Amino acid sequence: MLATAAATTTDMGWDFVSELQKLKEEFNSGGVEAGRIWLERKGDEWKQFSLNVAVIGRSGVGKSSFINAIRSLTADDEGGAPVGVKETTVDVDRSYPHPTNSLLKFWDLPGVGTDRFPRQTYLSRIKVDRFDFFLLITADRFTEDDTWLGKEFAKRNKKYFFVRTKVEADISNNQQARRNKQNEDDVVRDIRESTQEHLKKNGCENVPVFLIDSYKLQKFDFDLLKRRLVDDFPKLKKSALVLSLQATSKEMVNLKVAELRSRMWKAAALSAAVGAIPVPGLSIAMDFGIVTKQSKFYLTQLGLDETSLKRYAELTKTDYQRLRTIVYSSLGGFEIRTIVDFCVKSAALVATAAAEEGLRYIPLIGSLVAAPLSYGGTYCALKLVLDKMERVALEVFECAAKSAASACCD
C-alpha cells in the first residue's frame, strides 16, 4: 500500500493522497452524491481565484499592446485595450480581464514620478496590496523612479519583473544608425547587458529582466516571461494562471499538459463514484460523458478549437488553413465526439489498460467504491486523448514557428 501510494504521489502530484482522503470523508459522510458534488467542485476550483497583474509604465512604452498580446487579443478585438500615441492611462482602476477567465485581470497603471502620480502617494493611490504581481515596463531605459518603485515592492515582499518592450524597433534603429550593421543577436545582447548593468547600479541587480516585442511574440523573451510569471506567481494561484493563459508556445503547452494530467484522477474518481450506483448502463453513459466533457476542456486549453486556432493564426501571421489541416488530419476534426472516437480507437486497448489502471489503485480507492475498472477506464481514455492532443498542439506551434522564421528570411 505504501509503495502504491508513493507511486501515485509521483505520478499525480503531492496532493493526490490528501485529496483522496478528503474524497473518502465526503463519501463516508454523505454517500455517492456528496462525493460527486465534491469532485465537481474541486474540478472547477481554479475558476474561483482572482488574479491581478499590475502593468506599470509611462505613457507610450507599450503597456496596452502588451496587455493585448498576453491575452491573445488585438486592439480591434472586443475587450482589447486601446492603443495609440496619446496617453491612455489616466486612472488607477482600469483593468482588462482575460477572455477565457474574467477573474484574471491585467491593470494598466501609470508610471510613478509624474506631477499627477508622485512617489509620496503612489503606492496608496494604486492600492498596492490588491495585486498579485507587478510588471514594470519601459521602451528604453528604466528611470530612477522605476527602480525606486521596484525596491518598494521588494520591501513589501511583492514579486515583480522588469520588461523592456519594442525590441524590434530598437534593432531596426540600431541597424539604420550604423554603417557596419550589427547582427540582431548582438544588438539584443547589448540591450540586455546595458539594461542589467543600469538596474544593478540602481540596486535592482537580482530582478529578472525580459526583452519583448508585443507584435513579435515568437521572438525574444515573450514566452519566457509567461513561463516565469507562472513560476513566480503565488503558489495557491499558479494552477489558475496556467489554465487561464492561452497556449501559444511549446512551454505553455508543457505547463498546461502537466496541470491537466494532475487533474485526471478527479474525473476518473467521479466515474468510479457513479460506478458504485447499481443502475444498468448508468456507469458507461456517465464515463463517456465525463471523457467528452474533459476532452472539450483539453481542446480549448491547448488552443486546438476553431476559435483559438484562428486567433493564434492571426497573431502569428500563419496561414489558418495549414493549422486547420494539422488538427483535422490528426484529430479527425473539431467535433468532440469524433475526436474522442479518433483518439480512443481500440476498445480492447482501453479495457486492458483500464484493468491495469484500476487494479493499480485498488489499495487507495477500493474501500471508497467497488469500481476500479470504471476508474481505470476513464483515466486511460483521458490519458489517450490528452497524449494525442499534446502531440497535435506541439505540431501546430512548430508549424507556426517555421512560418515565422520563413517570413523573417523573406
Protein backbone atom coordinates (compact mmCIF):
# COMPACT_ATOMS: atom_id res chain seq x y z
CA MET A 1 0.00 0.00 0.00
CA LEU A 2 2.79 2.43 0.88
CA ALA A 3 4.58 1.69 -2.37
CA THR A 4 1.41 2.22 -4.37
CA ALA A 5 0.68 5.49 -2.60
CA ALA A 6 4.23 6.69 -3.27
CA ALA A 7 3.91 5.86 -6.96
CA THR A 8 0.59 7.63 -7.10
CA THR A 9 2.05 10.72 -5.47
CA THR A 10 4.87 10.78 -8.01
CA ASP A 11 2.54 10.39 -10.98
CA MET A 12 -0.25 12.73 -9.96
CA GLY A 13 1.24 15.34 -7.68
CA TRP A 14 1.92 15.59 -3.96
CA ASP A 15 -1.66 16.47 -3.09
CA PHE A 16 -3.19 13.29 -4.51
CA VAL A 17 -3.23 11.18 -1.32
CA SER A 18 -4.50 14.01 0.89
CA GLU A 19 -7.15 14.93 -1.67
CA LEU A 20 -8.25 11.31 -1.92
CA GLN A 21 -8.60 11.16 1.85
CA LYS A 22 -10.91 14.19 1.70
CA LEU A 23 -12.93 12.45 -1.00
CA LYS A 24 -13.28 9.36 1.19
CA GLU A 25 -14.52 11.53 4.04
CA GLU A 26 -17.17 13.02 1.75
CA PHE A 27 -18.33 9.55 0.74
CA ASN A 28 -18.39 8.33 4.32
CA SER A 29 -20.46 11.27 5.50
CA GLY A 30 -22.79 11.85 2.54
CA GLY A 31 -22.55 8.89 0.18
CA VAL A 32 -22.04 8.86 -3.57
CA GLU A 33 -23.88 12.12 -4.22
CA ALA A 34 -21.77 14.04 -1.70
CA GLY A 35 -18.62 12.64 -3.28
CA ARG A 36 -19.80 13.57 -6.78
CA ILE A 37 -20.55 17.16 -5.73
CA TRP A 38 -17.15 17.47 -4.03
CA LEU A 39 -15.34 16.20 -7.13
CA GLU A 40 -17.16 18.56 -9.49
CA ARG A 41 -16.48 21.47 -7.17
CA LYS A 42 -12.79 20.60 -6.99
CA GLY A 43 -12.62 20.39 -10.78
CA ASP A 44 -13.83 23.98 -11.12
CA GLU A 45 -11.91 25.33 -8.14
CA TRP A 46 -9.38 27.14 -10.32
CA LYS A 47 -12.11 29.47 -11.60
CA GLN A 48 -12.68 30.90 -8.13
CA PHE A 49 -9.32 32.65 -7.67
CA SER A 50 -8.97 36.33 -8.51
CA LEU A 51 -5.67 37.04 -10.27
CA ASN A 52 -4.44 40.62 -10.54
CA VAL A 53 -1.34 41.65 -12.50
CA ALA A 54 -0.27 45.30 -12.45
CA VAL A 55 1.34 46.59 -15.66
CA ILE A 56 3.14 49.83 -14.76
CA GLY A 57 4.89 52.34 -17.00
CA ARG A 58 4.95 55.78 -18.54
CA SER A 59 2.78 56.76 -21.48
CA GLY A 60 3.90 55.37 -24.82
CA VAL A 61 6.01 52.46 -23.57
CA GLY A 62 3.65 49.80 -24.94
CA LYS A 63 1.59 48.76 -21.94
CA SER A 64 -1.66 48.46 -23.87
CA SER A 65 -0.02 46.44 -26.63
CA PHE A 66 1.49 44.11 -24.05
CA ILE A 67 -1.83 43.68 -22.22
CA ASN A 68 -3.46 42.74 -25.51
CA ALA A 69 -0.65 40.38 -26.51
CA ILE A 70 -0.61 38.42 -23.27
CA ARG A 71 -4.38 37.97 -23.60
CA SER A 72 -4.01 36.90 -27.27
CA LEU A 73 -6.06 39.90 -28.45
CA THR A 74 -5.55 42.93 -30.67
CA ALA A 75 -6.73 46.49 -30.11
CA ASP A 76 -9.58 45.87 -32.57
CA ASP A 77 -10.93 42.81 -30.73
CA GLU A 78 -13.78 43.06 -28.27
CA GLY A 79 -12.21 43.78 -24.89
CA GLY A 80 -8.93 44.91 -26.45
CA ALA A 81 -7.01 47.71 -24.73
CA PRO A 82 -6.88 50.91 -26.81
CA VAL A 83 -3.51 51.53 -28.43
CA GLY A 84 -2.38 54.95 -29.61
CA VAL A 85 0.14 57.74 -29.36
CA LYS A 86 -1.85 59.76 -26.86
CA GLU A 87 -1.84 58.91 -23.17
CA THR A 88 -4.49 56.29 -22.40
CA THR A 89 -3.66 55.70 -18.73
CA VAL A 90 -5.21 58.43 -16.61
CA ASP A 91 -6.51 56.50 -13.60
CA VAL A 92 -5.59 53.55 -11.40
CA ASP A 93 -8.74 51.48 -11.77
CA ARG A 94 -8.58 50.43 -15.42
CA SER A 95 -8.35 46.68 -15.78
CA TYR A 96 -8.67 44.27 -18.69
CA PRO A 97 -9.98 40.75 -17.97
CA HIS A 98 -8.66 37.73 -19.80
CA PRO A 99 -11.19 36.50 -22.42
CA THR A 100 -11.26 32.95 -21.01
CA ASN A 101 -11.19 33.86 -17.31
CA SER A 102 -12.73 37.12 -16.16
CA LEU A 103 -11.04 36.75 -12.76
CA LEU A 104 -7.59 37.14 -14.36
CA LYS A 105 -7.13 40.88 -14.81
CA PHE A 106 -4.27 42.96 -16.17
CA TRP A 107 -4.29 46.51 -14.78
CA ASP A 108 -2.97 49.39 -16.89
CA LEU A 109 -1.31 51.67 -14.32
CA PRO A 110 0.52 54.97 -14.86
CA GLY A 111 4.20 55.30 -14.08
CA VAL A 112 5.45 56.84 -10.86
CA GLY A 113 7.16 60.22 -10.56
CA THR A 114 4.84 62.48 -12.57
CA ASP A 115 3.02 65.53 -11.23
CA ARG A 116 -0.18 63.52 -11.15
CA PHE A 117 1.39 60.44 -9.56
CA PRO A 118 4.29 61.47 -7.29
CA ARG A 119 6.25 58.98 -5.22
CA GLN A 120 4.83 60.17 -1.92
CA THR A 121 1.30 58.99 -2.67
CA TYR A 122 1.82 56.47 -5.46
CA LEU A 123 1.59 53.20 -3.52
CA SER A 124 -1.56 54.24 -1.71
CA ARG A 125 -3.09 55.63 -4.94
CA ILE A 126 -2.69 52.33 -6.82
CA LYS A 127 -3.80 50.31 -3.74
CA VAL A 128 -0.65 48.23 -3.92
CA ASP A 129 -1.86 45.32 -1.78
CA ARG A 130 -4.61 44.29 -4.21
CA PHE A 131 -2.12 43.00 -6.78
CA ASP A 132 -0.51 39.56 -7.00
CA PHE A 133 2.30 40.61 -9.32
CA PHE A 134 3.89 43.71 -10.85
CA LEU A 135 5.43 44.22 -14.29
CA LEU A 136 7.48 47.42 -14.62
CA ILE A 137 7.57 48.31 -18.32
CA THR A 138 9.66 50.68 -20.41
CA ALA A 139 10.52 51.10 -24.08
CA ASP A 140 14.05 52.43 -23.43
CA ARG A 141 15.88 52.91 -20.12
CA PHE A 142 14.35 52.31 -16.73
CA THR A 143 14.27 55.53 -14.75
CA GLU A 144 15.26 56.16 -11.15
CA ASP A 145 11.54 56.27 -10.36
CA ASP A 146 11.13 52.77 -11.84
CA THR A 147 13.90 51.29 -9.72
CA TRP A 148 12.65 53.14 -6.63
CA LEU A 149 9.26 51.54 -7.17
CA GLY A 150 10.82 48.10 -7.61
CA LYS A 151 12.69 48.43 -4.33
CA GLU A 152 9.46 49.49 -2.62
CA PHE A 153 7.80 46.32 -3.89
CA ALA A 154 10.71 44.26 -2.57
CA LYS A 155 10.31 45.83 0.89
CA ARG A 156 6.73 44.56 0.87
CA ASN A 157 7.75 41.08 -0.38
CA LYS A 158 5.90 41.70 -3.65
CA LYS A 159 7.05 39.87 -6.79
CA TYR A 160 7.94 42.00 -9.80
CA PHE A 161 9.79 41.87 -13.13
CA PHE A 162 11.31 44.50 -15.40
CA VAL A 163 10.08 44.32 -19.01
CA ARG A 164 11.57 46.25 -21.92
CA THR A 165 9.27 46.46 -24.93
CA LYS A 166 9.61 47.42 -28.63
CA VAL A 167 12.86 45.49 -29.07
CA GLU A 168 12.22 45.01 -32.80
CA ALA A 169 12.18 48.80 -33.20
CA ASP A 170 15.46 49.04 -31.25
CA ILE A 171 17.07 46.57 -33.64
CA SER A 172 15.82 48.46 -36.69
CA ASN A 173 17.01 51.81 -35.32
CA ASN A 174 20.40 50.37 -34.47
CA GLN A 175 20.90 48.96 -37.97
CA GLN A 176 19.85 52.23 -39.62
CA ALA A 177 22.22 54.23 -37.43
CA ARG A 178 25.33 52.10 -38.01
CA ARG A 179 27.38 51.80 -41.17
CA ASN A 180 28.56 48.35 -40.11
CA LYS A 181 25.29 46.72 -39.20
CA GLN A 182 25.30 44.57 -36.06
CA ASN A 183 23.93 41.07 -36.02
CA GLU A 184 20.44 41.01 -34.47
CA ASP A 185 21.58 38.71 -31.66
CA ASP A 186 24.42 41.10 -30.85
CA VAL A 187 22.02 44.04 -30.62
CA VAL A 188 19.74 42.12 -28.27
CA ARG A 189 22.72 41.08 -26.14
CA ASP A 190 23.92 44.68 -25.90
CA ILE A 191 20.46 45.89 -24.88
CA ARG A 192 20.18 43.16 -22.26
CA GLU A 193 23.63 43.80 -20.80
CA SER A 194 23.22 47.58 -20.67
CA THR A 195 19.77 47.25 -19.08
CA GLN A 196 21.01 44.81 -16.45
CA GLU A 197 24.03 46.98 -15.70
CA HIS A 198 21.83 50.06 -15.29
CA LEU A 199 19.48 48.22 -12.92
CA LYS A 200 22.43 46.86 -10.95
CA LYS A 201 23.75 50.38 -10.39
CA ASN A 202 20.35 51.33 -9.05
CA GLY A 203 20.08 48.44 -6.60
CA CYS A 204 17.92 46.01 -8.65
CA GLU A 205 20.56 43.53 -9.83
CA ASN A 206 18.67 40.35 -8.85
CA VAL A 207 15.37 41.13 -10.56
CA PRO A 208 14.55 39.28 -13.83
CA VAL A 209 14.61 41.40 -16.99
CA PHE A 210 12.70 40.44 -20.14
CA LEU A 211 13.12 41.90 -23.61
CA ILE A 212 9.96 41.59 -25.71
CA ASP A 213 8.09 42.92 -28.69
CA SER A 214 4.32 42.67 -28.37
CA TYR A 215 3.97 42.28 -32.15
CA LYS A 216 6.66 39.60 -32.46
CA LEU A 217 5.51 37.08 -29.87
CA GLN A 218 7.69 34.22 -31.05
CA LYS A 219 10.86 36.27 -30.82
CA PHE A 220 12.86 37.45 -27.83
CA ASP A 221 11.58 36.75 -24.27
CA PHE A 222 7.78 36.85 -24.52
CA ASP A 223 7.24 33.12 -23.92
CA LEU A 224 9.93 33.07 -21.25
CA LEU A 225 8.15 35.92 -19.47
CA LYS A 226 4.89 33.95 -19.40
CA ARG A 227 6.72 30.92 -18.03
CA ARG A 228 8.47 32.89 -15.28
CA LEU A 229 5.22 34.64 -14.42
CA VAL A 230 3.69 31.22 -13.75
CA ASP A 231 6.74 30.03 -11.80
CA ASP A 232 6.83 33.10 -9.55
CA PHE A 233 3.09 33.59 -9.09
CA PRO A 234 1.66 33.00 -5.58
CA LYS A 235 1.57 29.23 -5.03
CA LEU A 236 -2.15 28.83 -4.48
CA LYS A 237 -2.94 30.68 -7.71
CA LYS A 238 -0.47 29.01 -10.10
CA SER A 239 -2.93 26.45 -11.41
CA ALA A 240 -5.49 29.15 -12.13
CA LEU A 241 -2.92 31.19 -14.06
CA VAL A 242 -1.76 28.19 -16.12
CA LEU A 243 -5.33 27.30 -17.08
CA SER A 244 -6.19 30.93 -17.86
CA LEU A 245 -3.34 31.87 -20.17
CA GLN A 246 -3.51 30.82 -23.81
CA ALA A 247 -1.28 28.02 -25.06
CA THR A 248 0.84 29.98 -27.53
CA SER A 249 4.17 28.17 -27.24
CA LYS A 250 5.73 24.79 -26.54
CA GLU A 251 6.50 25.90 -22.98
CA MET A 252 2.88 26.82 -22.27
CA VAL A 253 1.69 23.52 -23.78
CA ASN A 254 4.02 21.65 -21.44
CA LEU A 255 2.75 23.62 -18.43
CA LYS A 256 -0.88 23.07 -19.36
CA VAL A 257 -0.46 19.36 -20.06
CA ALA A 258 1.24 18.86 -16.70
CA GLU A 259 -1.62 20.67 -14.97
CA LEU A 260 -4.28 18.73 -16.89
CA ARG A 261 -2.59 15.41 -16.07
CA SER A 262 -2.58 16.29 -12.37
CA ARG A 263 -6.37 16.71 -12.52
CA MET A 264 -7.22 13.45 -14.31
CA TRP A 265 -7.72 11.43 -11.17
CA LYS A 266 -10.61 13.67 -10.11
CA ALA A 267 -12.55 12.96 -13.30
CA ALA A 268 -11.71 9.25 -13.03
CA ALA A 269 -12.80 9.17 -9.39
CA LEU A 270 -16.10 10.76 -10.39
CA SER A 271 -16.54 7.94 -12.89
CA ALA A 272 -15.79 5.40 -10.18
CA ALA A 273 -18.29 7.05 -7.87
CA VAL A 274 -21.02 6.68 -10.47
CA GLY A 275 -19.88 3.08 -10.99
CA ALA A 276 -20.90 2.39 -7.42
CA ILE A 277 -24.55 3.18 -8.25
CA PRO A 278 -26.37 -0.08 -9.20
CA VAL A 279 -28.22 1.30 -12.25
CA PRO A 280 -27.71 -0.68 -15.50
CA GLY A 281 -25.97 1.38 -18.19
CA LEU A 282 -25.51 4.44 -15.99
CA SER A 283 -21.77 4.00 -15.48
CA ILE A 284 -21.00 3.53 -19.19
CA ALA A 285 -23.06 6.56 -20.19
CA MET A 286 -21.54 8.66 -17.42
CA ASP A 287 -17.99 7.54 -18.27
CA PHE A 288 -18.39 8.68 -21.87
CA GLY A 289 -19.96 11.94 -20.72
CA ILE A 290 -17.02 12.61 -18.40
CA VAL A 291 -14.46 11.82 -21.09
CA THR A 292 -16.30 14.01 -23.60
CA LYS A 293 -16.53 16.97 -21.21
CA GLN A 294 -12.88 16.72 -20.20
CA SER A 295 -11.76 16.28 -23.82
CA LYS A 296 -13.53 19.50 -24.78
CA PHE A 297 -11.72 21.24 -21.92
CA TYR A 298 -8.38 19.84 -23.14
CA LEU A 299 -9.09 21.03 -26.69
CA THR A 300 -9.67 24.64 -25.66
CA GLN A 301 -6.85 24.62 -23.10
CA LEU A 302 -4.35 23.56 -25.77
CA GLY A 303 -5.69 26.08 -28.29
CA LEU A 304 -6.94 23.47 -30.78
CA ASP A 305 -10.56 24.58 -31.03
CA GLU A 306 -11.54 26.66 -34.06
CA THR A 307 -11.77 29.99 -32.24
CA SER A 308 -8.37 29.65 -30.55
CA LEU A 309 -6.73 28.34 -33.71
CA LYS A 310 -7.98 31.28 -35.79
CA ARG A 311 -6.81 33.76 -33.15
CA TYR A 312 -3.38 32.12 -32.97
CA ALA A 313 -3.04 32.11 -36.77
CA GLU A 314 -3.87 35.81 -36.86
CA LEU A 315 -1.48 36.75 -34.07
CA THR A 316 1.41 34.76 -35.56
CA LYS A 317 0.54 35.65 -39.18
CA THR A 318 0.33 31.95 -40.04
CA ASP A 319 -1.97 30.51 -42.72
CA TYR A 320 -5.00 29.29 -40.77
CA GLN A 321 -5.74 26.54 -43.28
CA ARG A 322 -2.31 24.99 -42.63
CA LEU A 323 -3.02 24.83 -38.90
CA ARG A 324 -6.56 23.57 -39.51
CA THR A 325 -5.22 20.77 -41.71
CA ILE A 326 -2.90 19.62 -38.93
CA VAL A 327 -5.80 19.39 -36.47
CA TYR A 328 -8.14 17.70 -38.94
CA SER A 329 -5.63 15.09 -40.08
CA SER A 330 -4.54 14.28 -36.53
CA LEU A 331 -7.83 14.51 -34.61
CA GLY A 332 -10.45 13.97 -37.29
CA GLY A 333 -11.95 17.46 -36.92
CA PHE A 334 -13.17 19.79 -34.19
CA GLU A 335 -16.22 17.77 -33.11
CA ILE A 336 -15.59 16.37 -29.64
CA ARG A 337 -17.33 13.02 -30.15
CA THR A 338 -15.31 12.49 -33.32
CA ILE A 339 -12.08 13.43 -31.56
CA VAL A 340 -12.75 11.06 -28.66
CA ASP A 341 -13.54 8.22 -31.05
CA PHE A 342 -10.45 9.11 -33.09
CA CYS A 343 -8.12 9.10 -30.08
CA VAL A 344 -9.60 6.07 -28.30
CA LYS A 345 -9.63 3.77 -31.30
CA SER A 346 -9.32 0.38 -29.63
CA ALA A 347 -11.90 -0.65 -27.04
CA ALA A 348 -9.78 -3.68 -26.25
CA LEU A 349 -6.79 -1.46 -25.53
CA VAL A 350 -8.82 0.72 -23.19
CA ALA A 351 -10.31 -2.31 -21.45
CA THR A 352 -6.88 -3.84 -20.84
CA ALA A 353 -5.38 -0.59 -19.66
CA ALA A 354 -8.45 0.07 -17.53
CA ALA A 355 -7.97 -3.20 -15.69
CA GLU A 356 -4.32 -2.43 -15.07
CA GLU A 357 -5.01 1.15 -14.01
CA GLY A 358 -7.93 0.18 -11.80
CA LEU A 359 -6.01 -2.63 -10.09
CA ARG A 360 -3.12 -0.30 -9.51
CA TYR A 361 -5.25 1.98 -7.33
CA ILE A 362 -7.32 -0.65 -5.50
CA PRO A 363 -5.41 -0.03 -2.22
CA LEU A 364 -6.43 3.62 -2.47
CA ILE A 365 -9.93 3.51 -3.96
CA GLY A 366 -11.04 0.00 -3.13
CA SER A 367 -12.53 0.98 0.23
CA LEU A 368 -14.11 4.01 -1.42
CA VAL A 369 -16.00 2.35 -4.26
CA ALA A 370 -16.07 -1.10 -5.79
CA ALA A 371 -15.44 0.21 -9.30
CA PRO A 372 -11.73 0.08 -10.13
CA LEU A 373 -12.45 -0.73 -13.80
CA SER A 374 -14.63 2.35 -14.17
CA TYR A 375 -11.88 4.45 -12.65
CA GLY A 376 -9.18 2.86 -14.80
CA GLY A 377 -11.20 3.04 -18.00
CA THR A 378 -11.93 6.74 -17.65
CA TYR A 379 -8.37 7.54 -16.59
CA CYS A 380 -6.93 5.59 -19.52
CA ALA A 381 -9.28 7.19 -22.06
CA LEU A 382 -8.42 10.67 -20.81
CA LYS A 383 -4.72 9.89 -20.98
CA LEU A 384 -5.03 8.71 -24.58
CA VAL A 385 -6.94 11.85 -25.56
CA LEU A 386 -4.55 14.25 -23.81
CA ASP A 387 -1.45 12.49 -25.16
CA LYS A 388 -2.80 12.83 -28.69
CA MET A 389 -3.83 16.47 -28.27
CA GLU A 390 -0.43 17.32 -26.79
CA ARG A 391 1.33 15.97 -29.89
CA VAL A 392 -1.03 17.90 -32.17
CA ALA A 393 -0.60 21.16 -30.22
CA LEU A 394 3.19 20.88 -30.43
CA GLU A 395 2.92 20.24 -34.17
CA VAL A 396 0.73 23.35 -34.57
CA PHE A 397 3.24 25.55 -32.74
CA GLU A 398 6.16 24.07 -34.66
CA CYS A 399 4.35 24.90 -37.90
CA ALA A 400 3.74 28.49 -36.75
CA ALA A 401 7.39 28.85 -35.66
CA LYS A 402 8.63 27.66 -39.06
CA SER A 403 6.23 30.06 -40.76
CA ALA A 404 7.53 32.96 -38.66
CA ALA A 405 11.16 32.00 -39.36
CA SER A 406 10.43 31.81 -43.09
CA ALA A 407 8.78 35.24 -43.01
CA CYS A 408 11.82 36.74 -41.29
CA CYS A 409 14.10 35.38 -44.01
CA ASP A 410 11.97 36.75 -46.88
